[in-house]
Amino acid sequence: MPRTLVAGGAGLIGSHLCEYLLKKGHEVVCMDNLLTGSMDNIAQIKSDKFTFVEHDVTGPVQVAGKIDFIFHLASPASPIDYLKLPIETMKVGAWGTFNLLELAKAKDSTFLLASTSEVYGDPEIHPQEESYWGNVNPIGPRAVYDEAKRFAEAITMAYHRYYSVKIRISRIFNTFGPRMRLNDGRVVPNFACQALTGKPLTIYGDGQQTRSFCYVSDLVEGLFRLMMSDETTPVNVGNPSEMSILEFAKRINEMTGNRAGIVYEELPIDDPKLRRPNIAKAKRLLDWEPIVSLQDGLALTLEWFKAQVKSDPR
């Protein structure tokens, strides 16, 4: 039985990944410091093959016994989080990645880094493919996340080249699904909560900026396939179906029957104007592409938020 460590396993993606791995026959060690993750996300997991360890990976990571695979998903991932926790975000990208790579080296594990589309910054190439080096402002407010992930990619490749650690690098694009936090601050929770409480949806800028939304189950499948592959260079994992934020807001209002409309506020500094992955590499190497439609994914996600809003009205 494979034994797998999921760092950041109590977060949105991590909790779904833990469940997926258990179904695949893995023994799972879920590690999280609960800074942005939640025990609620893993409370439904009832398995003697699942262990939760509360630990901050910016400190030394020790796990008894063999570890075959390590998924490094530990990091604040929402602008509202990493702008509030800039030092913690930089530390987990640097020290957290270093510590988990040291564990992978010691255990002869295969290590997967959950990097991000944010390494492309405000892109000048569209759609974004893995060969693009990005357009990141290294001293802007978003840089604490963008540069932490860029450093994480660099040290991951260094461990592969210098120590022959088996590594995988996924560049994750906008992901959504049940277990997102009400106060996550990203566009899906913001719009869902506003729409479900009859408030106007807040768009930053003119709404013509684009995003590409991938449902969490598709994302998890892509991460697993990448881990089980032999690919050591970055691979985009996301949905290439692109939509403007204005169009997305109208879709949410239509699906929820919200008649409060839309309001506009100033666009945050360095907010990317375009975001769409080129997933030709994932299709070719992993035989992977998203299968859950935006409509179906949103329906499931809105049902989740309805329950959350009822228990925590805002």
Protein backbone atom coordinates (compact mmCIF):
# COMPACT_ATOMS: atom_id res chain seq x y z
CA MET A 1 0.00 0.00 0.00
CA PRO A 2 1.48 3.39 -0.98
CA ARG A 3 1.89 5.83 1.91
CA THR A 4 1.38 9.48 0.98
CA LEU A 5 1.91 12.75 2.83
CA VAL A 6 -0.39 15.64 1.88
CA ALA A 7 0.96 18.90 3.30
CA GLY A 8 -1.84 21.44 3.41
CA GLY A 9 -4.28 18.53 3.48
CA ALA A 10 -7.01 20.39 5.38
CA GLY A 11 -7.45 23.00 2.67
CA LEU A 12 -9.81 23.02 -0.31
CA ILE A 13 -7.67 21.02 -2.73
CA GLY A 14 -5.81 19.08 -0.05
CA SER A 15 -8.94 17.67 1.60
CA HIS A 16 -10.38 16.50 -1.72
CA LEU A 17 -6.99 15.01 -2.59
CA CYS A 18 -6.86 13.09 0.70
CA GLU A 19 -10.25 11.50 -0.05
CA TYR A 20 -9.19 10.69 -3.61
CA LEU A 21 -5.97 9.02 -2.46
CA LEU A 22 -7.79 6.88 0.10
CA LYS A 23 -10.11 5.66 -2.66
CA LYS A 24 -7.01 4.82 -4.71
CA GLY A 25 -5.76 2.58 -1.90
CA HIS A 26 -3.18 4.91 -0.36
CA GLU A 27 -2.48 5.32 3.32
CA VAL A 28 -2.67 9.09 3.86
CA VAL A 29 -0.87 11.34 6.33
CA CYS A 30 -2.56 14.75 6.26
CA MET A 31 -0.41 17.58 7.64
CA ASP A 32 -1.70 21.11 8.22
CA ASN A 33 -1.12 23.96 10.67
CA LEU A 34 -4.76 25.06 10.20
CA LEU A 35 -3.74 28.64 9.44
CA THR A 36 -6.11 28.71 6.47
CA GLY A 37 -7.17 25.04 6.42
CA SER A 38 -9.95 23.64 8.59
CA MET A 39 -10.67 20.43 10.46
CA ASP A 40 -14.22 20.72 9.06
CA ASN A 41 -12.81 19.87 5.63
CA ILE A 42 -11.57 16.46 6.76
CA ALA A 43 -14.13 15.69 9.50
CA GLN A 44 -16.04 13.36 7.16
CA ILE A 45 -13.00 11.13 6.56
CA LYS A 46 -13.44 7.96 8.62
CA SER A 47 -10.62 5.59 7.77
CA ASP A 48 -7.94 3.75 9.72
CA LYS A 49 -5.67 4.54 6.76
CA PHE A 50 -5.92 8.28 7.43
CA THR A 51 -3.87 10.22 9.98
CA PHE A 52 -3.99 13.94 10.72
CA VAL A 53 -0.88 15.70 12.01
CA GLU A 54 -1.12 19.35 13.07
CA HIS A 55 2.23 20.83 12.11
CA ASP A 56 3.71 23.90 10.43
CA VAL A 57 6.02 22.76 7.63
CA THR A 58 8.16 25.88 8.02
CA GLY A 59 9.65 23.90 10.92
CA PRO A 60 11.50 20.59 10.43
CA VAL A 61 9.19 17.85 9.14
CA GLN A 62 9.57 14.35 10.54
CA VAL A 63 7.29 11.44 9.69
CA ALA A 64 7.95 7.95 11.00
CA GLY A 65 7.97 5.10 8.52
CA LYS A 66 8.10 5.10 4.76
CA ILE A 67 6.66 7.90 2.63
CA ASP A 68 6.24 7.08 -1.04
CA PHE A 69 4.72 10.35 -2.22
CA ILE A 70 4.65 13.94 -0.91
CA PHE A 71 2.13 16.51 -2.17
CA HIS A 72 3.18 20.02 -1.10
CA LEU A 73 -0.03 22.07 -1.09
CA ALA A 74 0.78 24.02 2.07
CA SER A 75 0.38 27.79 1.61
CA PRO A 76 -2.16 30.56 1.92
CA ALA A 77 -3.61 30.73 -1.59
CA SER A 78 -6.11 33.59 -1.56
CA PRO A 79 -5.10 37.26 -1.91
CA ILE A 80 -7.02 38.09 1.26
CA ASP A 81 -4.86 35.53 3.09
CA TYR A 82 -1.43 36.20 1.68
CA LEU A 83 -1.85 39.98 1.91
CA LYS A 84 -2.71 39.52 5.60
CA LEU A 85 -0.02 36.86 6.11
CA PRO A 86 2.85 37.97 3.86
CA ILE A 87 5.72 36.65 5.96
CA GLU A 88 4.00 33.31 6.60
CA THR A 89 3.38 32.98 2.85
CA MET A 90 7.01 33.63 2.00
CA LYS A 91 8.20 31.25 4.73
CA VAL A 92 6.06 28.33 3.57
CA GLY A 93 7.18 28.86 -0.02
CA ALA A 94 10.82 28.89 1.07
CA TRP A 95 11.36 26.97 4.34
CA GLY A 96 8.26 24.81 3.89
CA THR A 97 9.39 23.67 0.46
CA PHE A 98 12.96 23.15 1.71
CA ASN A 99 11.81 21.04 4.67
CA LEU A 100 9.52 18.86 2.57
CA LEU A 101 12.23 18.37 -0.05
CA GLU A 102 14.60 17.31 2.72
CA LEU A 103 12.01 14.76 3.81
CA ALA A 104 11.62 13.55 0.21
CA LYS A 105 15.39 13.18 -0.06
CA ALA A 106 15.60 11.24 3.21
CA LYS A 107 12.64 8.95 2.40
CA ASP A 108 13.33 8.58 -1.35
CA SER A 109 9.83 9.94 -1.96
CA THR A 110 8.40 11.44 -5.11
CA PHE A 111 7.69 15.12 -4.40
CA LEU A 112 4.96 17.18 -6.09
CA LEU A 113 4.95 20.95 -5.71
CA ALA A 114 1.60 22.70 -6.04
CA SER A 115 2.78 25.82 -7.83
CA THR A 116 0.42 28.33 -9.39
CA SER A 117 -0.56 30.25 -12.48
CA GLU A 118 0.52 33.32 -10.49
CA VAL A 119 4.11 32.57 -11.52
CA TYR A 120 3.06 34.02 -14.89
CA GLY A 121 2.11 37.31 -13.19
CA ASP A 122 0.14 39.73 -15.38
CA PRO A 123 0.94 37.77 -18.53
CA GLU A 124 2.03 39.21 -21.86
CA ILE A 125 1.60 35.79 -23.50
CA HIS A 126 -1.92 34.37 -23.86
CA PRO A 127 -2.87 31.64 -23.25
CA GLN A 128 -0.05 30.81 -20.85
CA GLU A 129 2.17 27.84 -21.64
CA GLU A 130 4.84 26.34 -19.43
CA SER A 131 7.73 27.79 -21.44
CA TYR A 132 6.62 31.36 -20.58
CA TRP A 133 8.78 32.89 -17.83
CA GLY A 134 6.14 35.33 -16.65
CA ASN A 135 5.68 39.04 -15.92
CA VAL A 136 5.78 39.40 -12.14
CA ASN A 137 6.30 42.59 -10.15
CA PRO A 138 8.79 41.35 -7.51
CA ILE A 139 8.04 44.18 -5.06
CA GLY A 140 4.27 44.48 -5.49
CA PRO A 141 1.80 43.38 -2.79
CA ARG A 142 1.04 40.12 -4.63
CA ALA A 143 4.74 39.27 -4.87
CA VAL A 144 4.75 37.53 -1.50
CA TYR A 145 2.74 34.71 -3.11
CA ASP A 146 4.03 34.93 -6.69
CA GLU A 147 7.70 35.01 -5.77
CA ALA A 148 7.31 32.42 -3.00
CA LYS A 149 6.01 29.99 -5.62
CA ARG A 150 8.68 30.95 -8.14
CA PHE A 151 11.34 30.29 -5.50
CA ALA A 152 9.63 27.01 -4.60
CA GLU A 153 9.87 25.91 -8.24
CA ALA A 154 13.56 26.88 -8.35
CA ILE A 155 14.55 24.99 -5.20
CA THR A 156 12.49 21.98 -6.29
CA MET A 157 14.40 21.82 -9.58
CA ALA A 158 17.68 22.32 -7.68
CA TYR A 159 16.97 19.31 -5.46
CA HIS A 160 16.18 17.28 -8.55
CA ARG A 161 19.37 18.31 -10.35
CA TYR A 162 21.74 18.18 -7.36
CA TYR A 163 20.28 15.36 -5.24
CA SER A 164 18.29 13.44 -7.90
CA VAL A 165 15.07 13.85 -5.89
CA LYS A 166 12.09 12.68 -7.92
CA ILE A 167 10.01 15.81 -8.46
CA ARG A 168 6.82 17.00 -10.17
CA ILE A 169 5.68 20.64 -10.55
CA SER A 170 2.03 21.53 -11.18
CA ARG A 171 0.99 25.08 -12.05
CA ILE A 172 -2.55 25.29 -10.76
CA PHE A 173 -5.07 27.70 -12.26
CA ASN A 174 -8.26 29.01 -10.61
CA THR A 175 -9.88 26.11 -8.75
CA PHE A 176 -13.31 26.06 -7.12
CA GLY A 177 -15.67 23.66 -5.40
CA PRO A 178 -17.26 22.70 -2.09
CA ARG A 179 -15.20 23.52 1.04
CA MET A 180 -14.16 26.96 -0.12
CA ARG A 181 -14.35 29.37 2.81
CA LEU A 182 -17.03 32.05 2.98
CA ASN A 183 -14.35 34.68 3.62
CA ASP A 184 -11.88 33.23 1.12
CA GLY A 185 -11.77 36.53 -0.76
CA ARG A 186 -11.56 35.01 -4.23
CA VAL A 187 -14.12 35.61 -6.90
CA VAL A 188 -16.19 32.41 -6.53
CA PRO A 189 -16.85 32.72 -2.77
CA ASN A 190 -17.33 36.49 -3.06
CA PHE A 191 -19.91 36.21 -5.82
CA ALA A 192 -21.66 33.18 -4.32
CA CYS A 193 -22.07 34.73 -0.87
CA GLN A 194 -23.20 38.06 -2.25
CA ALA A 195 -25.68 36.47 -4.63
CA LEU A 196 -27.11 34.08 -2.03
CA THR A 197 -27.69 36.93 0.40
CA GLY A 198 -29.32 39.17 -2.20
CA LYS A 199 -26.46 41.66 -2.45
CA PRO A 200 -24.99 43.18 -5.60
CA LEU A 201 -21.90 41.40 -6.89
CA THR A 202 -18.68 43.38 -6.53
CA ILE A 203 -16.49 43.54 -9.62
CA TYR A 204 -13.03 45.05 -9.37
CA GLY A 205 -12.13 47.06 -12.46
CA ASP A 206 -14.35 46.92 -15.54
CA GLY A 207 -14.89 43.17 -15.38
CA GLN A 208 -13.17 42.48 -18.69
CA GLN A 209 -10.29 40.66 -16.99
CA THR A 210 -10.57 36.92 -17.56
CA ARG A 211 -10.22 33.77 -15.50
CA SER A 212 -10.45 30.04 -16.26
CA PHE A 213 -12.26 28.04 -13.59
CA CYS A 214 -11.47 24.38 -12.90
CA TYR A 215 -13.68 22.22 -10.67
CA VAL A 216 -11.78 20.67 -7.78
CA SER A 217 -12.35 17.02 -8.73
CA ASP A 218 -10.81 17.63 -12.15
CA LEU A 219 -7.86 19.40 -10.56
CA VAL A 220 -7.23 16.55 -8.12
CA GLU A 221 -7.31 14.01 -10.95
CA GLY A 222 -4.73 16.08 -12.81
CA LEU A 223 -2.45 16.29 -9.77
CA PHE A 224 -2.61 12.54 -9.24
CA ARG A 225 -1.84 11.78 -12.87
CA LEU A 226 1.10 14.16 -12.78
CA MET A 227 2.46 12.53 -9.61
CA MET A 228 2.25 9.12 -11.25
CA SER A 229 4.00 10.32 -14.41
CA ASP A 230 7.73 10.73 -15.05
CA GLU A 231 7.53 14.43 -15.95
CA THR A 232 9.94 16.67 -14.03
CA THR A 233 9.24 20.03 -15.68
CA PRO A 234 6.22 22.25 -14.85
CA VAL A 235 2.79 21.24 -16.14
CA ASN A 236 -0.26 23.51 -16.26
CA VAL A 237 -3.27 22.00 -14.52
CA GLY A 238 -6.44 24.00 -15.09
CA ASN A 239 -9.43 24.54 -17.31
CA PRO A 240 -8.75 26.32 -20.63
CA SER A 241 -12.35 27.54 -20.85
CA GLU A 242 -11.90 31.31 -20.39
CA MET A 243 -14.54 33.76 -19.17
CA SER A 244 -14.58 37.45 -18.30
CA ILE A 245 -15.35 38.33 -14.69
CA LEU A 246 -18.37 40.34 -15.86
CA GLU A 247 -19.72 37.35 -17.76
CA PHE A 248 -19.07 35.15 -14.72
CA ALA A 249 -20.94 37.56 -12.43
CA LYS A 250 -23.94 37.51 -14.74
CA ARG A 251 -23.86 33.69 -14.72
CA ILE A 252 -23.90 33.61 -10.90
CA ASN A 253 -26.75 36.09 -10.67
CA GLU A 254 -28.74 34.07 -13.21
CA MET A 255 -28.16 30.75 -11.42
CA THR A 256 -29.11 32.15 -8.01
CA GLY A 257 -31.96 34.38 -9.15
CA ASN A 258 -30.20 37.38 -7.61
CA ARG A 259 -31.68 40.66 -8.83
CA ALA A 260 -29.38 43.02 -6.92
CA GLY A 261 -27.13 43.53 -9.93
CA ILE A 262 -23.46 44.46 -10.00
CA VAL A 263 -21.31 47.20 -8.46
CA TYR A 264 -17.80 48.22 -9.49
CA GLU A 265 -14.73 49.02 -7.42
CA GLU A 266 -11.12 49.87 -8.21
CA LEU A 267 -8.92 47.07 -9.55
CA PRO A 268 -6.25 45.89 -7.06
CA ILE A 269 -2.57 46.46 -7.84
CA ASP A 270 -1.01 43.88 -10.20
CA ASP A 271 -4.28 41.99 -10.66
CA PRO A 272 -3.79 39.81 -13.77
CA LYS A 273 -5.83 40.94 -16.76
CA LEU A 274 -5.82 37.56 -18.49
CA ARG A 275 -5.66 34.01 -17.19
CA ARG A 276 -6.00 30.91 -19.35
CA PRO A 277 -3.85 27.79 -19.35
CA ASN A 278 -2.49 26.08 -22.40
CA ILE A 279 -2.96 22.44 -21.33
CA ALA A 280 -1.52 20.76 -24.42
CA LYS A 281 1.30 19.35 -22.29
CA ALA A 282 -1.10 17.82 -19.75
CA LYS A 283 -3.19 16.33 -22.54
CA ARG A 284 -0.15 14.82 -24.22
CA LEU A 285 1.74 13.54 -21.17
CA LEU A 286 -1.07 12.80 -18.71
CA ASP A 287 -4.02 12.15 -21.00
CA TRP A 288 -5.81 14.69 -18.81
CA GLU A 289 -8.28 17.48 -19.38
CA PRO A 290 -11.21 18.79 -17.32
CA ILE A 291 -14.53 17.00 -17.72
CA VAL A 292 -16.81 18.86 -15.28
CA SER A 293 -18.61 21.75 -16.97
CA LEU A 294 -18.66 25.18 -15.34
CA GLN A 295 -22.44 24.96 -15.02
CA ASP A 296 -22.34 21.60 -13.22
CA GLY A 297 -19.44 22.61 -11.01
CA LEU A 298 -21.12 25.86 -10.03
CA ALA A 299 -24.37 24.08 -9.21
CA LEU A 300 -22.56 21.81 -6.75
CA THR A 301 -20.56 24.69 -5.31
CA LEU A 302 -23.58 26.95 -4.85
CA GLU A 303 -25.34 24.17 -2.94
CA TRP A 304 -22.34 24.07 -0.61
CA PHE A 305 -22.44 27.83 -0.10
CA LYS A 306 -26.19 27.81 0.52
CA ALA A 307 -25.60 25.55 3.54
CA GLN A 308 -22.72 27.71 4.74
CA VAL A 309 -24.69 30.94 4.43
CA LYS A 310 -27.59 29.42 6.40
CA SER A 311 -25.29 28.44 9.26
CA ASP A 312 -23.22 31.64 9.13
CA PRO A 313 -25.34 34.42 7.59
CA ARG A 314 -23.46 37.52 6.48
